[in-house]
Amino acid sequence: MTRRATKIVATLGPASSDPALLEQMIRAGVNVVRLNFSHGKAQDHIDRATLVRAAAIRAGREVAIMADLQGPKIRVGKFAEGKIMLEPGQKFVLDAARVELGDIHAVGLDYKALPSEVKAGDVLLLNDGLIVITVDSVKGAAVHTTVKLGGELSNNKGINKQGGGLTAPALTAKDMDDIKTAMSFQADYVAVSFPKNATDMEMARQLCNVAGAEYGHKPGLIAKIERAEAIPRLEEILLASDGIMVARGDLAVEVGNAVVPALQKRMIKLAREHDKVVITATQMMESMISNPVPTRAEVSDVANAVLDGTDAVMLSAETAAGKYPLETVLEMAKICEAAEAAEELALDADFTGRTFSRIDQSIALGALFTAHHLGAKAIVALTDSGSTALWMSRYLIHVPIYALTSNLVTQRRMTLYRNVHGLLMDTSAVRDTALEQAERHLKSLGVVQSGDVYAITCGEPMGAPGGTNMLKICRVG
């Protein structure tokens, strides 16, 4: 069993849809499989979810499935030739009323509201910021621009406005249908693209809960932070979500590349302070789409996210469409482990000045503190909802946390929590029997052996959610 604390999210795609390869990737360290709803039809995602569950069973590892919604399509239309080449100084029109295919002079828009949301002087960024155009004037449905930074522009490439300000709703009609699809296979997490405020996340949660009701399922919600407008409202978005994704692609286009590293650190810190999970994403191992080894800069990027305390690091095209999906996962796991070994722990300082009003939270943090100072081999949490394990995972500690639960949904949800290893186990309703069962289970897995000390938390009466009220320090006989 791996002791790696940082989790790996891998995107499923054509390069990783072979059942045997996917099983190998899960064995190599994938904890969460991302299904990208920007591509494919509903049945494709249902089939892929089935594929993931089957591969996880064969690998003997439980993984979570994350349904990543497409969000609003703020994109140019299609071109007659499929693409054009824009040159600096050239005039170019984005025309919301245009029905014919685009050419070197003008192109239609998927996002019909653009002309009402831009004005002369605004800077628009196309194709992830590789092309920069400035707005000269807006005449009716036509946005007249001058190309500042040219390049190749092909069908349906994205449009961002520098500094943000486009009002497209975070949840489209397609997203609402996709939520129903995701709930039909009980996706463990739903990632919401381009939320601007807490209301977007609250609406997404309501839609997920309604769609999941017939399956008795409620997913975790991840807010993808990729709009300039989301930054001032980061805390309210965080509080309305179960976690956030530092989506560095669109975010960098809107706020500028140079600002993103500091924002990443701030987001990770804020998420941990609010007991939320955080995923760091975009171009982490980008060169491995076509190369068998990462660049030194990519290694540093992944390691720095780990040292900042991210719960998970994410792979996108690297595993969805790259040449080396398995090798990429193996490399990423290796980088995470090396970075974790170098972490500086400051657990005592972390607790200074903190107050805890809840009994279950106090027990969770008491277990951390005690295990750290006793040099315990493991921290064990008997948990129904996973809350105890989540609180423990918010602090950097080199003692692995094993969360024993009888709830499969909870086990899958915990695959995203840093340093938490979820184990499925039915325990007795009698406390002492349950504690004995837990120890036997851990011994059988090789987590502890005779003479080892470990800390264990549980609730009395057993099985009541949020009822953790006991901490016991045990030595294995």
Protein backbone atom coordinates (compact mmCIF):
# COMPACT_ATOMS: atom_id res chain seq x y z
CA MET A 1 0.00 0.00 0.00
CA THR A 2 1.42 3.38 -1.04
CA ARG A 3 2.22 5.90 1.68
CA ARG A 4 2.15 8.86 -0.74
CA ALA A 5 0.11 11.68 0.81
CA THR A 6 -0.60 13.83 -2.28
CA LYS A 7 -3.30 12.45 -4.55
CA ILE A 8 -3.20 12.21 -8.35
CA VAL A 9 -6.16 13.15 -10.57
CA ALA A 10 -5.88 11.78 -14.11
CA THR A 11 -8.12 12.64 -17.05
CA LEU A 12 -9.55 9.73 -19.02
CA GLY A 13 -9.43 10.00 -22.79
CA PRO A 14 -8.53 8.07 -25.95
CA ALA A 15 -4.96 7.49 -24.73
CA SER A 16 -6.06 5.90 -21.45
CA SER A 17 -9.33 4.10 -22.26
CA ASP A 18 -7.78 0.66 -22.74
CA PRO A 19 -9.00 -1.40 -19.73
CA ALA A 20 -5.61 -3.01 -19.04
CA LEU A 21 -3.77 0.33 -19.27
CA LEU A 22 -6.28 2.05 -17.01
CA GLU A 23 -5.85 -0.71 -14.43
CA GLN A 24 -2.06 -0.20 -14.60
CA MET A 25 -2.52 3.56 -14.13
CA ILE A 26 -4.64 2.99 -11.02
CA ARG A 27 -2.02 0.61 -9.64
CA ALA A 28 0.65 3.22 -10.46
CA GLY A 29 -1.05 5.83 -8.31
CA VAL A 30 -4.18 7.39 -9.86
CA ASN A 31 -6.62 8.22 -7.04
CA VAL A 32 -9.28 10.17 -8.94
CA VAL A 33 -10.33 9.75 -12.57
CA ARG A 34 -11.60 12.90 -14.29
CA LEU A 35 -14.21 12.64 -17.03
CA ASN A 36 -14.09 15.77 -19.18
CA PHE A 37 -17.66 16.63 -20.22
CA SER A 38 -16.36 19.09 -22.84
CA HIS A 39 -15.90 16.05 -25.08
CA GLY A 40 -18.18 13.15 -25.90
CA LYS A 41 -21.85 12.28 -25.52
CA ALA A 42 -23.76 11.17 -22.41
CA GLN A 43 -23.41 7.46 -23.22
CA ASP A 44 -19.62 7.87 -23.67
CA HIS A 45 -19.33 9.12 -20.08
CA ILE A 46 -21.59 6.37 -18.73
CA ASP A 47 -19.41 3.77 -20.52
CA ARG A 48 -16.22 5.37 -19.21
CA ALA A 49 -17.53 5.40 -15.65
CA THR A 50 -18.27 1.66 -15.96
CA LEU A 51 -14.74 1.17 -17.33
CA VAL A 52 -13.22 3.02 -14.35
CA ARG A 53 -15.19 1.08 -11.73
CA ALA A 54 -14.23 -2.25 -13.34
CA ALA A 55 -10.53 -1.28 -13.58
CA ALA A 56 -10.52 -0.20 -9.93
CA ILE A 57 -11.96 -3.56 -8.84
CA ARG A 58 -9.30 -5.42 -10.82
CA ALA A 59 -6.57 -3.20 -9.35
CA GLY A 60 -7.91 -3.72 -5.83
CA ARG A 61 -7.94 0.06 -5.26
CA GLU A 62 -10.92 2.34 -4.82
CA VAL A 63 -10.86 5.51 -6.93
CA ALA A 64 -13.21 8.48 -7.19
CA ILE A 65 -14.80 9.69 -10.41
CA MET A 66 -14.89 13.43 -11.06
CA ALA A 67 -17.34 14.76 -13.66
CA ASP A 68 -15.88 18.02 -14.98
CA LEU A 69 -18.62 20.19 -16.52
CA GLN A 70 -17.89 22.13 -19.71
CA GLY A 71 -19.35 25.44 -18.56
CA PRO A 72 -20.16 28.34 -20.90
CA LYS A 73 -18.76 28.22 -24.43
CA ILE A 74 -17.23 31.64 -24.97
CA ARG A 75 -15.77 30.74 -28.33
CA VAL A 76 -15.39 31.84 -31.94
CA GLY A 77 -17.40 29.94 -34.55
CA LYS A 78 -16.08 27.77 -37.37
CA PHE A 79 -13.97 28.71 -40.40
CA ALA A 80 -14.56 27.68 -44.02
CA GLU A 81 -10.98 26.35 -44.18
CA GLY A 82 -10.94 25.11 -40.57
CA LYS A 83 -8.40 27.76 -39.58
CA ILE A 84 -6.88 31.12 -40.55
CA MET A 85 -3.61 32.93 -39.89
CA LEU A 86 -3.93 36.34 -38.22
CA GLU A 87 -1.12 38.89 -38.70
CA PRO A 88 -0.29 41.80 -36.35
CA GLY A 89 -1.99 45.05 -37.45
CA GLN A 90 -4.70 43.21 -39.37
CA LYS A 91 -8.38 44.17 -38.90
CA PHE A 92 -10.64 41.32 -37.79
CA VAL A 93 -14.36 41.20 -36.93
CA LEU A 94 -16.09 39.00 -34.36
CA ASP A 95 -19.70 38.96 -35.59
CA ALA A 96 -22.48 37.52 -33.41
CA ALA A 97 -24.96 37.79 -36.31
CA ARG A 98 -22.80 35.95 -38.84
CA VAL A 99 -24.22 32.61 -40.02
CA GLU A 100 -21.76 31.77 -42.80
CA LEU A 101 -18.39 30.17 -42.00
CA GLY A 102 -15.52 32.44 -41.04
CA ASP A 103 -12.65 33.72 -43.18
CA ILE A 104 -9.59 35.94 -42.86
CA HIS A 105 -11.79 39.01 -42.31
CA ALA A 106 -14.48 37.85 -39.86
CA VAL A 107 -15.88 34.92 -37.90
CA GLY A 108 -19.15 34.15 -36.12
CA LEU A 109 -19.53 33.70 -32.36
CA ASP A 110 -20.90 30.92 -30.17
CA TYR A 111 -21.24 33.53 -27.43
CA LYS A 112 -23.88 35.95 -28.78
CA ALA A 113 -23.66 38.36 -25.82
CA LEU A 114 -20.05 39.39 -26.56
CA PRO A 115 -20.89 42.65 -28.43
CA SER A 116 -22.87 43.97 -25.43
CA GLU A 117 -20.05 43.14 -22.99
CA VAL A 118 -17.04 44.77 -24.67
CA LYS A 119 -16.15 48.32 -25.64
CA ALA A 120 -13.41 50.16 -27.52
CA GLY A 121 -10.04 49.68 -25.83
CA ASP A 122 -10.82 46.24 -24.34
CA VAL A 123 -8.24 43.51 -24.93
CA LEU A 124 -9.50 40.08 -25.99
CA LEU A 125 -7.39 36.95 -25.82
CA LEU A 126 -8.06 34.06 -28.18
CA ASN A 127 -6.86 30.45 -28.05
CA ASP A 128 -5.60 30.51 -24.41
CA GLY A 129 -4.00 33.92 -24.86
CA LEU A 130 -1.80 32.95 -27.81
CA ILE A 131 -3.60 35.56 -29.95
CA VAL A 132 -4.25 39.09 -28.64
CA ILE A 133 -6.69 41.52 -30.28
CA THR A 134 -7.87 44.99 -29.20
CA VAL A 135 -11.44 46.23 -29.66
CA ASP A 136 -11.67 49.31 -31.94
CA SER A 137 -15.46 49.66 -31.93
CA VAL A 138 -18.72 47.77 -31.53
CA LYS A 139 -21.32 48.24 -34.28
CA GLY A 140 -24.51 46.31 -33.59
CA ALA A 141 -23.61 42.62 -33.40
CA ALA A 142 -20.12 43.16 -34.82
CA VAL A 143 -17.00 43.67 -32.69
CA HIS A 144 -14.33 45.35 -34.84
CA THR A 145 -10.77 44.65 -33.69
CA THR A 146 -7.11 45.04 -34.57
CA VAL A 147 -4.74 42.09 -34.17
CA LYS A 148 -1.96 42.90 -31.71
CA LEU A 149 -0.38 39.44 -31.42
CA GLY A 150 -1.10 37.15 -34.34
CA GLY A 151 -1.11 33.43 -34.90
CA GLU A 152 -3.18 30.53 -36.13
CA LEU A 153 -6.87 30.66 -35.15
CA SER A 154 -8.92 27.51 -35.70
CA ASN A 155 -12.53 26.42 -35.17
CA ASN A 156 -14.22 27.03 -31.79
CA LYS A 157 -11.20 28.46 -29.96
CA GLY A 158 -11.91 30.19 -26.66
CA ILE A 159 -12.27 33.93 -26.02
CA ASN A 160 -11.22 35.61 -22.77
CA LYS A 161 -11.41 39.27 -21.84
CA GLN A 162 -8.33 40.62 -20.12
CA GLY A 163 -9.26 41.44 -16.53
CA GLY A 164 -12.50 39.44 -16.82
CA GLY A 165 -16.01 40.85 -17.19
CA LEU A 166 -17.84 38.40 -19.47
CA THR A 167 -21.14 37.52 -17.82
CA ALA A 168 -21.81 34.03 -19.21
CA PRO A 169 -23.59 31.92 -16.57
CA ALA A 170 -21.48 29.17 -14.99
CA LEU A 171 -24.16 26.54 -15.63
CA THR A 172 -25.52 26.09 -19.15
CA ALA A 173 -28.41 23.90 -20.35
CA LYS A 174 -25.79 21.34 -21.43
CA ASP A 175 -24.27 21.35 -17.93
CA MET A 176 -27.69 20.69 -16.42
CA ASP A 177 -28.13 17.65 -18.67
CA ASP A 178 -24.58 16.53 -17.91
CA ILE A 179 -25.27 16.72 -14.16
CA LYS A 180 -28.14 14.23 -14.68
CA THR A 181 -25.76 11.94 -16.59
CA ALA A 182 -23.09 12.23 -13.87
CA MET A 183 -25.60 11.40 -11.15
CA SER A 184 -26.83 8.35 -13.09
CA PHE A 185 -23.44 6.71 -12.41
CA GLN A 186 -23.02 8.45 -9.02
CA ALA A 187 -19.97 10.59 -9.82
CA ASP A 188 -18.17 11.23 -6.52
CA TYR A 189 -17.26 14.80 -7.43
CA VAL A 190 -18.67 17.36 -9.85
CA ALA A 191 -16.31 20.14 -10.96
CA VAL A 192 -18.07 23.39 -11.90
CA SER A 193 -16.37 25.50 -14.60
CA PHE A 194 -16.15 29.31 -14.43
CA PRO A 195 -18.13 30.02 -11.21
CA LYS A 196 -18.19 33.75 -10.40
CA ASN A 197 -19.71 33.62 -6.92
CA ALA A 198 -21.23 31.41 -4.21
CA THR A 199 -24.64 31.49 -5.93
CA ASP A 200 -23.22 29.59 -8.93
CA MET A 201 -22.00 26.84 -6.60
CA GLU A 202 -25.23 26.76 -4.59
CA MET A 203 -27.22 26.36 -7.80
CA ALA A 204 -24.92 23.54 -8.93
CA ARG A 205 -25.35 21.78 -5.58
CA GLN A 206 -29.12 22.05 -5.80
CA LEU A 207 -29.12 20.60 -9.33
CA CYS A 208 -26.79 17.76 -8.26
CA ASN A 209 -28.86 16.90 -5.19
CA VAL A 210 -32.12 16.89 -7.17
CA ALA A 211 -30.63 14.76 -9.97
CA GLY A 212 -28.97 12.44 -7.44
CA ALA A 213 -32.04 12.02 -5.23
CA GLU A 214 -33.39 8.95 -7.06
CA TYR A 215 -30.01 7.26 -6.53
CA GLY A 216 -29.70 8.47 -2.93
CA HIS A 217 -26.47 10.23 -3.91
CA LYS A 218 -24.96 13.64 -3.14
CA PRO A 219 -21.60 14.40 -4.81
CA GLY A 220 -18.79 16.62 -3.55
CA LEU A 221 -18.59 19.94 -5.43
CA ILE A 222 -15.34 21.40 -6.75
CA ALA A 223 -15.25 25.04 -7.89
CA LYS A 224 -12.79 25.62 -10.72
CA ILE A 225 -11.20 29.01 -10.13
CA GLU A 226 -10.57 30.32 -13.64
CA ARG A 227 -12.27 33.73 -13.87
CA ALA A 228 -10.86 37.06 -12.75
CA GLU A 229 -14.21 37.77 -11.05
CA ALA A 230 -13.79 34.71 -8.83
CA ILE A 231 -10.65 36.03 -7.12
CA PRO A 232 -12.26 38.77 -4.95
CA ARG A 233 -15.02 36.27 -4.07
CA LEU A 234 -12.71 33.34 -3.42
CA GLU A 235 -13.74 32.86 0.20
CA GLU A 236 -17.50 32.84 -0.47
CA ILE A 237 -17.03 30.40 -3.38
CA LEU A 238 -14.88 28.19 -1.15
CA LEU A 239 -17.46 28.13 1.64
CA ALA A 240 -20.19 27.11 -0.84
CA SER A 241 -18.04 24.24 -2.21
CA ASP A 242 -16.33 21.08 -0.95
CA GLY A 243 -13.11 22.09 -2.64
CA ILE A 244 -11.52 24.20 -5.33
CA MET A 245 -9.40 23.59 -8.39
CA VAL A 246 -6.59 26.01 -9.18
CA ALA A 247 -7.38 25.99 -12.92
CA ARG A 248 -4.30 27.83 -14.10
CA GLY A 249 -5.09 27.91 -17.84
CA ASP A 250 -8.06 30.26 -18.19
CA LEU A 251 -7.13 32.02 -14.95
CA ALA A 252 -3.69 32.95 -16.32
CA VAL A 253 -5.25 34.25 -19.54
CA GLU A 254 -7.60 36.57 -17.60
CA VAL A 255 -5.29 37.81 -14.82
CA GLY A 256 -1.87 37.36 -16.46
CA ASN A 257 0.66 34.54 -16.10
CA ALA A 258 2.84 36.35 -13.56
CA VAL A 259 0.07 36.64 -10.98
CA VAL A 260 -0.89 32.96 -10.94
CA PRO A 261 1.89 31.36 -8.79
CA ALA A 262 1.14 33.65 -5.82
CA LEU A 263 -2.61 33.11 -6.32
CA GLN A 264 -2.01 29.36 -6.31
CA LYS A 265 -0.25 29.56 -2.93
CA ARG A 266 -3.01 31.75 -1.53
CA MET A 267 -5.77 29.41 -2.73
CA ILE A 268 -4.09 26.31 -1.29
CA LYS A 269 -3.59 28.05 2.07
CA LEU A 270 -7.16 29.36 2.17
CA ALA A 271 -8.66 25.97 1.26
CA ARG A 272 -6.74 24.23 4.03
CA GLU A 273 -7.75 26.88 6.57
CA HIS A 274 -11.42 26.35 5.68
CA ASP A 275 -11.23 22.52 5.79
CA LYS A 276 -11.75 22.24 2.03
CA VAL A 277 -9.79 20.19 -0.51
CA VAL A 278 -7.71 21.76 -3.27
CA ILE A 279 -6.53 20.43 -6.64
CA THR A 280 -3.70 22.09 -8.57
CA ALA A 281 -4.19 21.70 -12.33
CA THR A 282 -3.07 22.67 -15.85
CA GLN A 283 0.15 21.85 -17.71
CA MET A 284 1.78 20.15 -14.71
CA MET A 285 3.53 17.56 -16.90
CA GLU A 286 2.67 19.10 -20.28
CA SER A 287 5.86 18.02 -22.07
CA MET A 288 5.06 14.37 -21.32
CA ILE A 289 2.24 14.54 -23.86
CA SER A 290 4.99 13.80 -26.36
CA ASN A 291 8.13 13.06 -24.27
CA PRO A 292 8.83 10.10 -21.95
CA VAL A 293 10.35 12.30 -19.22
CA PRO A 294 9.24 15.64 -17.72
CA THR A 295 11.23 18.87 -17.86
CA ARG A 296 13.09 20.06 -14.73
CA ALA A 297 10.66 23.00 -14.55
CA GLU A 298 7.66 20.62 -14.48
CA VAL A 299 9.26 18.59 -11.71
CA SER A 300 9.70 21.80 -9.70
CA ASP A 301 6.13 22.88 -10.44
CA VAL A 302 4.62 19.64 -9.12
CA ALA A 303 6.97 19.58 -6.12
CA ASN A 304 6.16 23.18 -5.18
CA ALA A 305 2.41 22.48 -5.26
CA VAL A 306 3.04 19.53 -2.94
CA LEU A 307 5.19 21.63 -0.59
CA ASP A 308 2.44 24.28 -0.52
CA GLY A 309 0.06 21.59 0.77
CA THR A 310 -2.18 20.83 -2.22
CA ASP A 311 -4.40 17.79 -1.77
CA ALA A 312 -4.00 16.67 -5.35
CA VAL A 313 -2.14 17.39 -8.57
CA MET A 314 -3.97 16.91 -11.85
CA LEU A 315 -3.13 15.57 -15.30
CA SER A 316 -5.23 16.65 -18.30
CA ALA A 317 -4.08 16.02 -21.88
CA GLU A 318 -1.03 14.15 -20.50
CA THR A 319 -3.20 11.11 -19.70
CA ALA A 320 -6.20 11.83 -21.96
CA ALA A 321 -4.35 12.19 -25.25
CA GLY A 322 -0.60 11.86 -24.57
CA LYS A 323 1.83 9.19 -25.73
CA TYR A 324 2.92 8.21 -22.21
CA PRO A 325 -0.08 8.14 -19.83
CA LEU A 326 1.29 5.42 -17.53
CA GLU A 327 4.81 6.86 -17.43
CA THR A 328 3.38 10.29 -16.58
CA VAL A 329 1.50 8.91 -13.56
CA LEU A 330 4.62 7.04 -12.37
CA GLU A 331 6.79 10.17 -12.71
CA MET A 332 4.25 12.34 -10.92
CA ALA A 333 3.95 9.87 -8.03
CA LYS A 334 7.74 9.81 -7.69
CA ILE A 335 7.94 13.64 -7.58
CA CYS A 336 5.17 13.82 -4.95
CA GLU A 337 6.90 11.29 -2.70
CA ALA A 338 10.26 13.06 -2.94
CA ALA A 339 8.70 16.45 -2.16
CA GLU A 340 6.76 15.06 0.82
CA ALA A 341 9.94 13.59 2.28
CA ALA A 342 11.44 17.11 2.29
CA GLU A 343 8.46 18.82 3.95
CA GLU A 344 9.15 20.90 7.03
CA LEU A 345 6.55 20.12 9.69
CA ALA A 346 5.32 22.84 12.02
CA LEU A 347 2.47 21.04 13.74
CA ASP A 348 2.97 22.70 17.13
CA ALA A 349 2.94 26.15 15.52
CA ASP A 350 -0.15 25.20 13.47
CA PHE A 351 -2.10 24.62 16.67
CA THR A 352 -1.00 27.81 18.43
CA GLY A 353 -3.87 30.25 18.84
CA ARG A 354 -6.43 27.82 17.37
CA THR A 355 -9.70 27.24 19.23
CA PHE A 356 -12.02 24.31 18.63
CA SER A 357 -15.67 24.46 19.64
CA ARG A 358 -16.61 20.99 18.36
CA ILE A 359 -15.81 17.81 20.29
CA ASP A 360 -15.23 15.73 17.12
CA GLN A 361 -12.83 18.33 15.68
CA SER A 362 -10.92 18.54 18.97
CA ILE A 363 -10.56 14.74 19.06
CA ALA A 364 -9.29 14.70 15.44
CA LEU A 365 -6.63 17.31 16.14
CA GLY A 366 -5.74 15.73 19.49
CA ALA A 367 -5.00 12.50 17.61
CA LEU A 368 -2.68 14.36 15.22
CA PHE A 369 -0.80 16.11 18.01
CA THR A 370 -0.37 12.96 20.08
CA ALA A 371 0.64 10.74 17.14
CA HIS A 372 3.19 13.32 16.01
CA HIS A 373 4.87 13.55 19.43
CA LEU A 374 4.74 9.81 20.16
CA GLY A 375 6.14 8.89 16.75
CA ALA A 376 3.06 6.71 16.09
CA LYS A 377 3.04 4.40 13.09
CA ALA A 378 -0.47 5.37 12.03
CA ILE A 379 -3.53 7.43 12.89
CA VAL A 380 -6.76 5.49 12.52
CA ALA A 381 -10.21 7.07 12.28
CA LEU A 382 -13.42 5.05 12.41
CA THR A 383 -15.65 7.39 10.43
CA ASP A 384 -19.05 7.39 8.78
CA SER A 385 -19.02 10.75 6.97
CA GLY A 386 -15.24 11.19 6.62
CA SER A 387 -15.24 14.55 8.45
CA THR A 388 -12.71 13.40 11.07
CA ALA A 389 -10.29 12.30 8.34
CA LEU A 390 -10.79 15.58 6.44
CA TRP A 391 -9.93 17.69 9.51
CA MET A 392 -6.83 15.58 10.17
CA SER A 393 -5.72 15.94 6.56
CA ARG A 394 -5.61 19.76 6.78
CA TYR A 395 -2.31 19.60 8.71
CA LEU A 396 1.03 18.42 7.37
CA ILE A 397 2.13 15.35 9.29
CA HIS A 398 4.28 12.39 8.27
CA VAL A 399 2.06 9.88 10.07
CA PRO A 400 -0.36 8.26 7.57
CA ILE A 401 -4.08 8.53 8.33
CA TYR A 402 -6.19 5.41 7.76
CA ALA A 403 -9.92 6.12 7.63
CA LEU A 404 -12.03 3.01 8.19
CA THR A 405 -15.63 3.34 7.01
CA SER A 406 -18.51 1.05 6.13
CA ASN A 407 -19.75 3.64 3.62
CA LEU A 408 -18.46 3.15 0.04
CA VAL A 409 -19.40 6.73 -0.96
CA THR A 410 -17.32 8.07 1.95
CA GLN A 411 -14.36 5.85 1.01
CA ARG A 412 -14.42 7.16 -2.56
CA ARG A 413 -14.83 10.77 -1.43
CA MET A 414 -11.74 10.44 0.80
CA THR A 415 -9.52 9.44 -2.15
CA LEU A 416 -9.02 13.18 -2.70
CA TYR A 417 -7.97 14.01 0.90
CA ARG A 418 -4.25 14.51 1.36
CA ASN A 419 -2.54 11.80 3.47
CA VAL A 420 -5.82 9.89 3.99
CA HIS A 421 -6.08 6.23 2.98
CA GLY A 422 -9.73 5.16 2.98
CA LEU A 423 -10.44 1.52 3.84
CA LEU A 424 -13.84 -0.14 3.57
CA MET A 425 -14.69 -2.18 6.65
CA ASP A 426 -17.87 -3.11 8.48
CA THR A 427 -17.22 -2.75 12.19
CA SER A 428 -19.18 -3.98 15.17
CA ALA A 429 -21.59 -1.67 16.96
CA VAL A 430 -19.75 -2.63 20.17
CA ARG A 431 -16.85 -0.24 20.69
CA ASP A 432 -14.18 -2.64 22.03
CA THR A 433 -14.99 -5.24 19.36
CA ALA A 434 -14.77 -2.57 16.65
CA LEU A 435 -11.35 -1.44 17.91
CA GLU A 436 -10.07 -5.03 17.87
CA GLN A 437 -11.43 -5.53 14.33
CA ALA A 438 -9.69 -2.34 13.18
CA GLU A 439 -6.33 -3.46 14.60
CA ARG A 440 -6.60 -6.90 13.00
CA HIS A 441 -7.44 -5.30 9.66
CA LEU A 442 -4.43 -2.94 9.84
CA LYS A 443 -2.11 -5.82 10.80
CA SER A 444 -3.36 -7.90 7.87
CA LEU A 445 -2.54 -5.00 5.51
CA GLY A 446 0.95 -4.59 7.00
CA VAL A 447 0.19 -1.06 8.21
CA VAL A 448 1.13 -1.93 11.80
CA GLN A 449 2.93 -4.85 13.44
CA SER A 450 3.70 -6.06 16.95
CA GLY A 451 5.10 -3.31 19.16
CA ASP A 452 3.90 -0.41 16.97
CA VAL A 453 2.02 2.47 18.55
CA TYR A 454 -0.99 3.98 16.79
CA ALA A 455 -3.75 6.46 17.64
CA ILE A 456 -7.39 5.58 16.98
CA THR A 457 -10.52 7.75 17.10
CA CYS A 458 -14.16 6.72 17.10
CA GLY A 459 -17.57 7.79 18.32
CA GLU A 460 -19.72 6.37 21.06
CA PRO A 461 -22.39 5.28 20.36
CA MET A 462 -20.80 3.73 17.27
CA GLY A 463 -21.96 4.71 13.77
CA ALA A 464 -23.48 8.12 14.54
CA PRO A 465 -22.30 10.72 11.96
CA GLY A 466 -20.33 13.58 13.52
CA GLY A 467 -20.11 11.67 16.80
CA THR A 468 -16.33 11.19 17.15
CA ASN A 469 -15.70 11.68 20.87
CA MET A 470 -12.95 9.21 21.78
CA LEU A 471 -9.19 9.01 21.25
CA LYS A 472 -7.24 5.93 22.30
CA ILE A 473 -3.49 5.30 22.03
CA CYS A 474 -2.74 1.64 21.42
CA ARG A 475 0.33 -0.55 21.21
CA VAL A 476 0.00 -3.57 18.92
CA GLY A 477 0.29 -6.83 20.84
